[in-house]
Amino acid sequence: MMNNYKIGDRVQIGADLCTIKYSGEIDKWPGSITYGLEWDNPTRGKHSGSYNGHQLFHTSVAGSGSFIKRTVLLKKSVPNKTMWEALQEVYGTSNESISEDNTDITFNKKHVESFGFQRLNNMNSDYWKLKIISLNKKNISKISDPNIDGKVTLDVKCLDLGFNCFSDISELTKFAECCPDLQELNLSGNRFSINNYDHSKIVTVTQVKRLFIASCNIGKDSLSLVLKLFPNLEFLDLSLNRLTDDDITDMPFPKNLKELILSDNKFKNVPTNKSLLRLQYLDLSFNLIELPLKSYNIFKTLLTLDISNNKISSWAVIDQINIIFPVLNTIKINKNPIVGSLEEQDRDDDTTYYQVIARLGKIKHIDGLFISGELRETAESYFMFNIYKKSYVMGTNLERWDYLSVHYQNQPKPRLISSSNTFLSDSILRLNIRDVTGSQNFTVYMLDIRSVRVLKGKIASLTHSCILSIKLYLSDSLNGKQYLDKDFVRIKDYYITSGCDIYYEQI
């Protein structure tokens, strides 16, 4: 156990991790060394580093700081380890814990052969040869010098060191020699400091292709150094780091990077960094994107985009997606004000999603929904119907508008959707929804190619119940109940027509 902690050290107290941000005395405990802590879990904090009006340290999250006596910290903290000590603890278990009788382990009075357990234990003990190693939450603060049985390297390809006590970024350079075959490295939940780092002695870890550094509270300078240490990354997870647009604008991302996760940060725009234009996958969910995108770059290779759970409220943003991501195949866009949630089903119909489908002409999957040719044709027809009604607006200078206006130039004159002879009358069903108890009846309108699960979702929303508790069936006087028991079958495949009675019960 450490007798003295220094500023920047990582400590585990109970089940929570924290960082030492202050060391000294305070009036409350005169003559005693006091440590100021910043908790990874901000709910454990009591202030932001101030005491009696004096700011003794600063926290990255307001209210995540607290003070603790040195004697209390030494008593409550969990001792830190080296990676090699943790390896021995997790994978180097002695065979003495296994029954010495090779064939006599008993479970509930039944004897089983113990050879399998011993063999597994022996394999794990030879952890030098393991390809996958997980040392998550093991209080590791250093790699350290192995020098065990003359071994100096591991054969590991996938190494999980998430949520440990690393603080010195120079420790990362040691992976270059001790793990020569390492492909994937998880360092999420650690906190790395670049103070006193000698930039002239950078040792790159060229073998690592996939890196997870989520929830590391990593800043611009620390991120820049990490990217220099790992120059050959193809996948990078930077979620939950409170990063902003300015933090990555000029960042030199690896030239081979194909997948980037930036979720749960503070981005207000699609990245304008030109070194990211080769991406194939980009996750910007749970950010602050709201206004029309300011990116003047074209992501010519991006196939999958996640911009769900942002603040998008303008259709102009959706129209820009066609321009900025010309080969996009899959998009997640739900939980934005402009579309709400496909799963909520709190509208009388799916017209909002028809707009998304119509505006994004090349997308094959939207929020998990496969866009069939039939669905796209229906959505585009409905969209242009409302364009001519002047219910919807679309910029006439867009390439997508050029296609739609030509393809649907013979669009019928505007008529009410409730009219029995509209062009969608054969596709939109009016369903009479009836509670089996007779307590509640209502009507919903739904496209006939939507699934039974979507119908359940809409009923669950309207009745304020759980979708998993909804059971549907048709009532047939000759054959009794016909249960709609296949959630992902289309409504039309049950031969349901407009005006049908759908009965539901909560189970």
Protein backbone atom coordinates (compact mmCIF):
# COMPACT_ATOMS: atom_id res chain seq x y z
CA MET A 1 0.00 0.00 0.00
CA MET A 2 1.23 3.50 -0.77
CA ASN A 3 2.15 5.54 2.30
CA ASN A 4 1.99 8.83 0.44
CA TYR A 5 -0.15 9.78 -2.52
CA LYS A 6 0.77 12.60 -4.86
CA ILE A 7 -1.39 14.87 -6.98
CA GLY A 8 -2.56 13.03 -10.09
CA ASP A 9 -2.57 9.58 -8.50
CA ARG A 10 -5.63 7.40 -8.99
CA VAL A 11 -7.22 5.69 -6.00
CA GLN A 12 -10.10 3.29 -5.43
CA ILE A 13 -12.15 3.81 -2.28
CA GLY A 14 -14.86 1.24 -1.83
CA ALA A 15 -16.28 0.63 -5.29
CA ASP A 16 -15.51 4.11 -6.64
CA LEU A 17 -12.47 5.55 -8.38
CA CYS A 18 -11.12 9.04 -7.79
CA THR A 19 -8.13 11.25 -8.61
CA ILE A 20 -5.94 13.10 -6.09
CA LYS A 21 -6.22 16.82 -6.95
CA TYR A 22 -4.88 18.44 -3.76
CA SER A 23 -2.51 17.61 -0.91
CA GLY A 24 -2.00 19.83 2.12
CA GLU A 25 -3.70 21.08 5.29
CA ILE A 26 -7.10 22.61 5.86
CA ASP A 27 -8.41 24.37 8.96
CA LYS A 28 -10.86 21.58 9.66
CA TRP A 29 -8.04 19.10 10.36
CA PRO A 30 -4.99 21.08 11.52
CA GLY A 31 -1.74 19.15 11.65
CA SER A 32 -3.06 16.42 9.36
CA ILE A 33 -2.39 15.88 5.68
CA THR A 34 -5.62 16.29 3.73
CA TYR A 35 -6.25 15.08 0.20
CA GLY A 36 -8.66 16.70 -2.22
CA LEU A 37 -10.41 14.13 -4.40
CA GLU A 38 -12.28 14.34 -7.67
CA TRP A 39 -14.66 11.39 -7.96
CA ASP A 40 -15.30 9.65 -11.26
CA ASN A 41 -18.84 9.27 -9.97
CA PRO A 42 -19.78 12.93 -9.39
CA THR A 43 -22.67 12.01 -7.08
CA ARG A 44 -20.11 11.13 -4.41
CA GLY A 45 -18.78 14.69 -4.39
CA LYS A 46 -19.75 17.52 -2.05
CA HIS A 47 -18.18 20.58 -3.72
CA SER A 48 -15.97 21.69 -6.62
CA GLY A 49 -12.67 21.96 -4.76
CA SER A 50 -13.33 25.01 -2.60
CA TYR A 51 -12.96 25.32 1.18
CA ASN A 52 -14.02 28.35 3.24
CA GLY A 53 -14.15 30.48 0.14
CA HIS A 54 -10.72 29.38 -1.17
CA GLN A 55 -10.42 27.37 -4.38
CA LEU A 56 -7.89 24.68 -3.46
CA PHE A 57 -8.39 22.60 -6.63
CA HIS A 58 -10.65 22.44 -9.64
CA THR A 59 -12.95 19.63 -10.79
CA SER A 60 -13.90 18.90 -14.38
CA VAL A 61 -17.48 18.20 -13.28
CA ALA A 62 -19.16 20.59 -10.86
CA GLY A 63 -19.77 19.11 -7.42
CA SER A 64 -17.54 16.06 -7.89
CA GLY A 65 -14.93 16.98 -5.24
CA SER A 66 -14.44 16.17 -1.57
CA PHE A 67 -11.75 16.22 1.14
CA ILE A 68 -10.44 13.27 3.12
CA LYS A 69 -7.82 12.82 5.82
CA ARG A 70 -4.66 10.98 4.84
CA THR A 71 -5.18 8.46 7.65
CA VAL A 72 -8.72 7.73 6.47
CA LEU A 73 -7.62 7.43 2.85
CA LEU A 74 -4.90 4.92 3.75
CA LYS A 75 -7.42 2.91 5.72
CA LYS A 76 -10.19 2.87 3.10
CA SER A 77 -8.27 2.80 -0.18
CA VAL A 78 -7.70 -0.40 -2.11
CA PRO A 79 -3.99 -1.06 -2.79
CA ASN A 80 -2.88 -0.41 -6.37
CA LYS A 81 -1.21 -3.16 -8.39
CA THR A 82 0.98 -3.59 -11.43
CA MET A 83 -0.48 -5.31 -14.47
CA TRP A 84 1.76 -8.31 -13.80
CA GLU A 85 0.53 -8.63 -10.22
CA ALA A 86 -3.06 -8.51 -11.46
CA LEU A 87 -2.28 -11.16 -14.09
CA GLN A 88 -0.91 -13.48 -11.43
CA GLU A 89 -3.92 -12.81 -9.20
CA VAL A 90 -6.56 -13.42 -11.90
CA TYR A 91 -4.97 -16.05 -14.15
CA GLY A 92 -2.22 -17.59 -12.06
CA THR A 93 -4.38 -19.43 -9.49
CA SER A 94 -2.58 -22.33 -7.88
CA ASN A 95 -3.74 -25.86 -8.54
CA GLU A 96 -3.77 -26.39 -4.80
CA SER A 97 -7.27 -24.95 -4.74
CA ILE A 98 -8.46 -27.88 -6.85
CA SER A 99 -9.24 -31.22 -5.29
CA GLU A 100 -6.16 -33.48 -5.24
CA ASP A 101 -8.36 -36.41 -6.17
CA ASN A 102 -8.37 -36.29 -9.95
CA THR A 103 -11.81 -37.88 -10.23
CA ASP A 104 -13.68 -36.89 -7.10
CA ILE A 105 -15.32 -33.48 -7.07
CA THR A 106 -18.83 -33.58 -5.62
CA PHE A 107 -21.83 -31.46 -6.60
CA ASN A 108 -25.09 -32.26 -4.80
CA LYS A 109 -23.85 -35.76 -3.85
CA LYS A 110 -22.85 -36.51 -7.45
CA HIS A 111 -19.23 -37.19 -8.36
CA VAL A 112 -17.81 -35.47 -11.44
CA GLU A 113 -14.42 -35.70 -13.10
CA SER A 114 -12.12 -32.87 -12.03
CA PHE A 115 -9.70 -33.14 -14.96
CA GLY A 116 -11.56 -30.42 -16.91
CA PHE A 117 -11.24 -27.93 -14.07
CA GLN A 118 -7.55 -28.65 -13.56
CA ARG A 119 -6.83 -28.42 -17.26
CA LEU A 120 -8.60 -25.05 -17.52
CA ASN A 121 -6.74 -23.84 -14.45
CA ASN A 122 -3.41 -24.93 -15.92
CA MET A 123 -4.18 -23.20 -19.21
CA ASN A 124 -5.04 -19.95 -17.43
CA SER A 125 -1.94 -20.21 -15.27
CA ASP A 126 0.12 -20.16 -18.45
CA TYR A 127 -1.17 -16.66 -19.08
CA TRP A 128 1.80 -15.79 -21.27
CA LYS A 129 0.01 -17.61 -24.10
CA LEU A 130 -3.51 -16.25 -23.57
CA LYS A 131 -4.91 -14.35 -26.56
CA ILE A 132 -7.65 -12.53 -24.62
CA ILE A 133 -7.03 -11.06 -21.17
CA SER A 134 -9.50 -9.08 -19.06
CA LEU A 135 -8.17 -7.11 -16.09
CA ASN A 136 -11.07 -4.69 -15.77
CA LYS A 137 -11.37 -2.92 -12.39
CA LYS A 138 -8.27 -4.50 -10.79
CA ASN A 139 -6.70 -1.30 -9.34
CA ILE A 140 -3.81 -1.41 -11.82
CA SER A 141 -1.72 1.76 -11.88
CA LYS A 142 1.45 0.60 -13.66
CA ILE A 143 2.64 -1.93 -16.20
CA SER A 144 5.98 -2.36 -14.38
CA ASP A 145 8.83 -4.70 -15.26
CA PRO A 146 7.58 -8.32 -15.56
CA ASN A 147 10.80 -10.31 -14.90
CA ILE A 148 8.75 -13.37 -14.03
CA ASP A 149 10.24 -16.78 -14.85
CA GLY A 150 12.40 -15.13 -17.48
CA LYS A 151 9.29 -14.14 -19.48
CA VAL A 152 9.13 -10.58 -20.80
CA THR A 153 6.25 -10.61 -23.29
CA LEU A 154 2.61 -11.71 -23.57
CA ASP A 155 0.95 -13.31 -26.61
CA VAL A 156 -2.26 -11.38 -25.90
CA LYS A 157 -4.19 -9.92 -28.85
CA CYS A 158 -7.10 -8.39 -26.92
CA LEU A 159 -6.39 -6.71 -23.56
CA ASP A 160 -8.99 -5.06 -21.30
CA LEU A 161 -7.53 -2.65 -18.71
CA GLY A 162 -10.66 -0.56 -18.37
CA PHE A 163 -11.54 1.34 -15.18
CA ASN A 164 -8.22 0.93 -13.44
CA CYS A 165 -5.93 3.46 -11.76
CA PHE A 166 -3.61 4.51 -14.58
CA SER A 167 -2.57 8.17 -14.46
CA ASP A 168 0.88 8.33 -16.08
CA ILE A 169 0.51 8.39 -19.85
CA SER A 170 4.11 7.19 -20.27
CA GLU A 171 2.95 3.76 -19.06
CA LEU A 172 1.24 3.28 -22.42
CA THR A 173 4.54 3.11 -24.27
CA LYS A 174 5.38 -0.12 -22.45
CA PHE A 175 2.78 -2.03 -24.48
CA ALA A 176 5.12 -1.80 -27.47
CA GLU A 177 7.52 -4.34 -25.95
CA CYS A 178 5.49 -6.37 -23.45
CA CYS A 179 2.58 -7.10 -25.86
CA PRO A 180 4.05 -7.33 -29.39
CA ASP A 181 0.94 -8.97 -30.90
CA LEU A 182 -1.63 -6.70 -29.22
CA GLN A 183 -4.48 -5.74 -31.60
CA GLU A 184 -7.20 -4.38 -29.30
CA LEU A 185 -6.70 -2.35 -26.10
CA ASN A 186 -9.37 -1.05 -23.72
CA LEU A 187 -8.22 1.81 -21.47
CA SER A 188 -11.66 3.30 -20.79
CA GLY A 189 -12.31 4.77 -17.38
CA ASN A 190 -8.68 5.66 -16.65
CA ARG A 191 -7.32 9.21 -16.29
CA PHE A 192 -4.11 10.06 -18.10
CA SER A 193 -1.90 13.04 -17.29
CA ILE A 194 0.75 14.41 -19.67
CA ASN A 195 2.50 16.45 -16.98
CA ASN A 196 6.29 15.98 -17.11
CA TYR A 197 6.01 13.74 -20.18
CA ASP A 198 9.14 13.88 -22.35
CA HIS A 199 7.73 14.30 -25.88
CA SER A 200 11.16 13.75 -27.38
CA LYS A 201 11.10 10.12 -26.24
CA ILE A 202 7.81 8.95 -27.75
CA VAL A 203 7.67 5.18 -28.25
CA THR A 204 4.84 4.32 -30.63
CA VAL A 205 2.63 1.27 -30.18
CA THR A 206 2.20 0.40 -33.84
CA GLN A 207 0.54 -3.02 -33.42
CA VAL A 208 -2.69 -1.77 -31.80
CA LYS A 209 -5.55 -1.35 -34.30
CA ARG A 210 -8.53 -0.89 -31.94
CA LEU A 211 -8.44 1.47 -28.95
CA PHE A 212 -11.14 2.24 -26.39
CA ILE A 213 -10.56 5.38 -24.29
CA ALA A 214 -14.14 6.20 -23.34
CA SER A 215 -14.85 8.08 -20.12
CA CYS A 216 -11.20 9.06 -19.62
CA ASN A 217 -11.87 12.79 -19.21
CA ILE A 218 -9.28 13.20 -21.94
CA GLY A 219 -8.49 16.73 -23.07
CA LYS A 220 -7.18 18.10 -26.36
CA ASP A 221 -3.48 17.85 -25.45
CA SER A 222 -3.79 14.37 -23.97
CA LEU A 223 -5.74 13.15 -27.00
CA SER A 224 -3.11 14.52 -29.36
CA LEU A 225 -0.41 12.55 -27.54
CA VAL A 226 -2.48 9.35 -27.46
CA LEU A 227 -2.94 9.53 -31.23
CA LYS A 228 0.83 9.88 -31.66
CA LEU A 229 1.42 6.85 -29.44
CA PHE A 230 -1.07 4.74 -31.46
CA PRO A 231 -0.52 5.79 -35.10
CA ASN A 232 -2.12 2.75 -36.81
CA LEU A 233 -5.60 2.79 -35.29
CA GLU A 234 -8.52 1.60 -37.41
CA PHE A 235 -11.12 1.90 -34.61
CA LEU A 236 -11.28 4.54 -31.84
CA ASP A 237 -13.87 5.03 -29.07
CA LEU A 238 -13.80 8.56 -27.60
CA SER A 239 -17.26 8.55 -26.04
CA LEU A 240 -18.07 10.20 -22.70
CA ASN A 241 -15.09 12.56 -22.69
CA ARG A 242 -16.85 15.97 -22.79
CA LEU A 243 -15.02 16.83 -26.01
CA THR A 244 -16.09 19.84 -28.11
CA ASP A 245 -15.84 20.70 -31.81
CA ASP A 246 -12.71 22.79 -31.22
CA ASP A 247 -10.95 19.90 -29.45
CA ILE A 248 -10.74 17.80 -32.61
CA THR A 249 -10.80 20.39 -35.41
CA ASP A 250 -7.07 20.19 -36.15
CA MET A 251 -6.38 16.83 -34.52
CA PRO A 252 -4.13 14.56 -36.67
CA PHE A 253 -6.19 11.35 -36.59
CA PRO A 254 -4.53 8.15 -37.87
CA LYS A 255 -4.67 7.76 -41.65
CA ASN A 256 -6.05 4.20 -41.36
CA LEU A 257 -8.93 5.14 -39.03
CA LYS A 258 -12.23 3.69 -40.33
CA GLU A 259 -14.53 3.72 -37.29
CA LEU A 260 -14.90 6.57 -34.78
CA ILE A 261 -17.24 6.82 -31.79
CA LEU A 262 -17.81 10.35 -30.49
CA SER A 263 -21.05 9.75 -28.60
CA ASP A 264 -21.90 11.45 -25.29
CA ASN A 265 -19.70 14.50 -25.82
CA LYS A 266 -20.47 18.17 -26.51
CA PHE A 267 -20.30 18.35 -30.29
CA LYS A 268 -22.57 20.79 -32.08
CA ASN A 269 -21.61 19.80 -35.60
CA VAL A 270 -20.32 17.06 -37.83
CA PRO A 271 -16.50 17.13 -37.60
CA THR A 272 -14.79 19.42 -40.12
CA ASN A 273 -11.46 17.66 -39.62
CA LYS A 274 -10.20 16.58 -43.04
CA SER A 275 -8.28 13.62 -41.60
CA LEU A 276 -11.67 11.99 -40.84
CA LEU A 277 -12.98 12.01 -44.40
CA ARG A 278 -11.91 8.38 -44.88
CA LEU A 279 -14.23 7.09 -42.14
CA GLN A 280 -16.74 4.35 -42.85
CA TYR A 281 -18.55 4.51 -39.48
CA LEU A 282 -19.23 7.61 -37.35
CA ASP A 283 -21.21 7.74 -34.09
CA LEU A 284 -22.27 11.25 -32.99
CA SER A 285 -25.20 10.20 -30.81
CA PHE A 286 -26.03 11.96 -27.54
CA ASN A 287 -24.42 15.27 -28.51
CA LEU A 288 -25.73 18.81 -29.06
CA ILE A 289 -26.19 18.92 -32.85
CA GLU A 290 -29.09 21.24 -33.58
CA LEU A 291 -28.55 23.75 -36.41
CA PRO A 292 -27.84 23.09 -40.08
CA LEU A 293 -24.48 21.34 -40.38
CA LYS A 294 -21.45 23.52 -41.05
CA SER A 295 -19.30 20.83 -42.59
CA TYR A 296 -18.07 21.75 -46.05
CA ASN A 297 -16.24 18.45 -46.37
CA ILE A 298 -17.67 15.43 -48.16
CA PHE A 299 -17.41 12.05 -46.42
CA LYS A 300 -17.13 10.00 -49.59
CA THR A 301 -16.66 6.65 -47.84
CA LEU A 302 -18.99 6.90 -44.82
CA LEU A 303 -21.54 4.06 -44.83
CA THR A 304 -23.03 4.26 -41.32
CA LEU A 305 -23.95 7.38 -39.32
CA ASP A 306 -25.51 7.64 -35.87
CA ILE A 307 -26.86 11.11 -35.00
CA SER A 308 -29.63 9.91 -32.68
CA ASN A 309 -30.37 11.68 -29.41
CA ASN A 310 -29.30 15.14 -30.55
CA LYS A 311 -31.32 18.36 -30.87
CA ILE A 312 -32.02 18.37 -34.59
CA SER A 313 -35.25 20.27 -35.28
CA SER A 314 -34.76 21.43 -38.88
CA TRP A 315 -35.46 19.47 -42.05
CA ALA A 316 -32.59 21.40 -43.62
CA VAL A 317 -30.21 19.27 -41.54
CA ILE A 318 -31.74 16.09 -42.94
CA ASP A 319 -31.45 17.40 -46.50
CA GLN A 320 -27.76 18.18 -45.95
CA ILE A 321 -27.05 14.55 -45.10
CA ASN A 322 -27.46 13.65 -48.79
CA ILE A 323 -24.73 16.15 -49.67
CA ILE A 324 -22.23 15.53 -46.88
CA PHE A 325 -22.59 11.72 -46.91
CA PRO A 326 -23.26 10.75 -50.54
CA VAL A 327 -22.83 6.96 -50.14
CA LEU A 328 -24.49 6.61 -46.72
CA ASN A 329 -26.29 3.28 -46.32
CA THR A 330 -27.44 3.20 -42.69
CA ILE A 331 -28.50 5.98 -40.33
CA LYS A 332 -29.83 6.27 -36.78
CA ILE A 333 -31.70 9.50 -36.26
CA ASN A 334 -34.35 8.77 -33.65
CA LYS A 335 -34.82 10.74 -30.43
CA ASN A 336 -34.32 14.07 -32.21
CA PRO A 337 -37.09 16.70 -32.01
CA ILE A 338 -37.58 16.51 -35.78
CA VAL A 339 -38.53 12.82 -35.75
CA GLY A 340 -39.19 11.74 -32.17
CA SER A 341 -38.80 7.98 -31.78
CA LEU A 342 -39.76 5.22 -34.16
CA GLU A 343 -40.42 3.07 -31.08
CA GLU A 344 -42.68 5.58 -29.33
CA GLN A 345 -45.41 5.35 -31.98
CA ASP A 346 -47.23 8.28 -30.40
CA ARG A 347 -48.53 9.64 -33.72
CA ASP A 348 -51.64 8.68 -35.64
CA ASP A 349 -49.48 7.56 -38.55
CA ASP A 350 -45.85 7.32 -39.67
CA THR A 351 -45.79 10.45 -41.79
CA THR A 352 -42.73 11.92 -40.07
CA TYR A 353 -40.70 8.88 -41.02
CA TYR A 354 -42.10 9.03 -44.54
CA GLN A 355 -40.43 12.43 -44.74
CA VAL A 356 -37.09 11.04 -43.61
CA ILE A 357 -37.30 8.17 -46.09
CA ALA A 358 -38.27 10.47 -48.94
CA ARG A 359 -35.58 13.06 -48.21
CA LEU A 360 -32.80 10.47 -47.80
CA GLY A 361 -32.96 8.73 -51.14
CA LYS A 362 -30.12 6.18 -50.84
CA ILE A 363 -30.52 5.02 -47.26
CA LYS A 364 -31.28 1.31 -46.82
CA HIS A 365 -31.78 1.27 -43.03
CA ILE A 366 -33.26 4.00 -40.81
CA ASP A 367 -33.35 3.40 -37.05
CA GLY A 368 -33.23 -0.33 -37.63
CA LEU A 369 -36.04 -0.31 -40.20
CA PHE A 370 -35.19 -1.82 -43.59
CA ILE A 371 -36.41 0.46 -46.37
CA SER A 372 -37.90 -1.82 -49.00
CA GLY A 373 -38.67 -0.57 -52.49
CA GLU A 374 -42.38 -0.69 -51.70
CA LEU A 375 -41.99 1.37 -48.53
CA ARG A 376 -39.78 3.93 -50.29
CA GLU A 377 -42.26 4.34 -53.12
CA THR A 378 -45.10 4.88 -50.66
CA ALA A 379 -43.06 7.36 -48.60
CA GLU A 380 -41.97 9.35 -51.63
CA SER A 381 -45.51 9.47 -53.02
CA TYR A 382 -46.89 10.65 -49.71
CA PHE A 383 -44.10 13.22 -49.35
CA MET A 384 -44.66 14.72 -52.81
CA PHE A 385 -48.41 14.67 -52.21
CA ASN A 386 -47.77 16.99 -49.25
CA ILE A 387 -45.26 19.08 -51.20
CA TYR A 388 -47.98 19.87 -53.73
CA LYS A 389 -50.38 20.54 -50.87
CA LYS A 390 -47.70 22.92 -49.53
CA SER A 391 -47.76 21.07 -46.22
CA TYR A 392 -44.06 20.21 -46.65
CA VAL A 393 -41.20 22.35 -47.93
CA MET A 394 -37.99 21.29 -49.65
CA GLY A 395 -35.22 23.36 -51.23
CA THR A 396 -35.55 23.36 -55.02
CA ASN A 397 -31.77 23.68 -55.42
CA LEU A 398 -31.18 20.18 -54.07
CA GLU A 399 -30.25 17.18 -56.22
CA ARG A 400 -32.81 15.12 -54.30
CA TRP A 401 -35.54 17.58 -55.27
CA ASP A 402 -34.56 17.27 -58.91
CA TYR A 403 -35.15 13.51 -58.76
CA LEU A 404 -38.44 13.67 -56.84
CA SER A 405 -39.95 16.47 -58.91
CA VAL A 406 -39.26 14.60 -62.15
CA HIS A 407 -40.24 11.15 -60.87
CA TYR A 408 -43.53 12.40 -59.39
CA GLN A 409 -44.35 15.17 -61.85
CA ASN A 410 -47.76 13.58 -62.49
CA GLN A 411 -48.65 13.61 -58.80
CA PRO A 412 -52.45 13.67 -58.28
CA LYS A 413 -54.06 16.91 -57.20
CA PRO A 414 -54.03 17.39 -53.41
CA ARG A 415 -56.76 15.52 -51.61
CA LEU A 416 -57.38 14.79 -47.95
CA ILE A 417 -55.73 11.66 -46.66
CA SER A 418 -59.06 10.56 -45.22
CA SER A 419 -60.65 10.54 -48.65
CA SER A 420 -61.61 7.04 -49.70
CA ASN A 421 -60.11 7.44 -53.16
CA THR A 422 -56.65 8.86 -52.46
CA PHE A 423 -53.56 7.27 -53.95
CA LEU A 424 -52.72 5.81 -50.53
CA SER A 425 -56.16 4.45 -49.75
CA ASP A 426 -55.06 0.89 -50.42
CA SER A 427 -51.98 1.15 -48.22
CA ILE A 428 -53.16 2.95 -45.09
CA LEU A 429 -55.46 0.88 -42.90
CA ARG A 430 -58.05 2.18 -40.46
CA LEU A 431 -58.02 -0.29 -37.58
CA ASN A 432 -60.60 -0.45 -34.79
CA ILE A 433 -58.71 -1.29 -31.61
CA ARG A 434 -60.84 -2.87 -28.89
CA ASP A 435 -60.00 -3.82 -25.34
CA VAL A 436 -61.15 -7.37 -24.56
CA THR A 437 -62.69 -6.02 -21.35
CA GLY A 438 -64.72 -3.51 -23.32
CA SER A 439 -63.34 -0.61 -21.32
CA GLN A 440 -61.52 1.18 -24.13
CA ASN A 441 -61.98 1.46 -27.90
CA PHE A 442 -60.13 3.69 -30.35
CA THR A 443 -59.02 3.93 -33.98
CA VAL A 444 -55.51 3.99 -35.44
CA TYR A 445 -54.25 4.48 -38.97
CA MET A 446 -51.25 2.46 -40.11
CA LEU A 447 -49.45 1.48 -43.27
CA ASP A 448 -50.24 -2.14 -44.13
CA ILE A 449 -46.57 -3.09 -44.50
CA ARG A 450 -45.77 -2.16 -40.89
CA SER A 451 -45.16 -5.04 -38.51
CA VAL A 452 -47.32 -6.43 -35.73
CA ARG A 453 -44.70 -5.17 -33.26
CA VAL A 454 -45.12 -1.61 -34.52
CA LEU A 455 -48.88 -1.92 -34.02
CA LYS A 456 -48.29 -3.23 -30.50
CA GLY A 457 -46.00 -0.28 -29.85
CA LYS A 458 -48.63 2.20 -30.93
CA ILE A 459 -51.30 0.57 -28.78
CA ALA A 460 -48.91 0.43 -25.81
CA SER A 461 -48.23 4.16 -26.20
CA LEU A 462 -51.90 5.08 -26.44
CA THR A 463 -52.83 2.93 -23.44
CA HIS A 464 -49.75 3.87 -21.38
CA SER A 465 -48.72 0.26 -21.02
CA CYS A 466 -45.68 -1.87 -21.80
CA ILE A 467 -45.30 -3.25 -25.31
CA LEU A 468 -44.25 -6.61 -23.86
CA SER A 469 -47.59 -6.93 -22.05
CA ILE A 470 -49.71 -6.42 -25.18
CA LYS A 471 -51.30 -9.42 -26.88
CA LEU A 472 -53.28 -8.99 -30.13
CA TYR A 473 -55.73 -11.13 -32.01
CA LEU A 474 -58.50 -11.10 -34.58
CA SER A 475 -61.91 -12.44 -33.61
CA ASP A 476 -63.49 -14.89 -36.02
CA SER A 477 -66.98 -16.15 -35.23
CA LEU A 478 -66.23 -19.44 -37.00
CA ASN A 479 -62.69 -20.15 -35.91
CA GLY A 480 -62.46 -18.27 -32.63
CA LYS A 481 -59.36 -16.20 -31.88
CA GLN A 482 -56.55 -15.76 -34.35
CA TYR A 483 -53.55 -14.52 -32.38
CA LEU A 484 -51.10 -12.13 -34.05
CA ASP A 485 -48.18 -13.93 -32.48
CA LYS A 486 -45.41 -13.13 -34.95
CA ASP A 487 -44.12 -9.67 -34.02
CA PHE A 488 -42.11 -9.00 -37.16
CA VAL A 489 -44.66 -10.18 -39.70
CA ARG A 490 -46.34 -7.44 -41.73
CA ILE A 491 -49.95 -6.60 -40.88
CA LYS A 492 -51.01 -7.26 -44.46
CA ASP A 493 -49.69 -10.83 -44.22
CA TYR A 494 -52.43 -11.59 -41.68
CA TYR A 495 -54.95 -10.50 -44.35
CA ILE A 496 -56.01 -7.57 -42.20
CA THR A 497 -57.95 -4.95 -44.16
CA SER A 498 -59.13 -1.45 -43.40
CA GLY A 499 -62.02 -1.43 -40.92
CA CYS A 500 -60.93 -4.65 -39.16
CA ASP A 501 -61.41 -5.06 -35.42
CA ILE A 502 -58.17 -5.77 -33.57
CA TYR A 503 -58.59 -6.98 -29.99
CA TYR A 504 -55.90 -6.47 -27.38
CA GLU A 505 -55.35 -7.63 -23.85
CA GLN A 506 -52.67 -6.93 -21.29
CA ILE A 507 -51.01 -10.04 -19.93
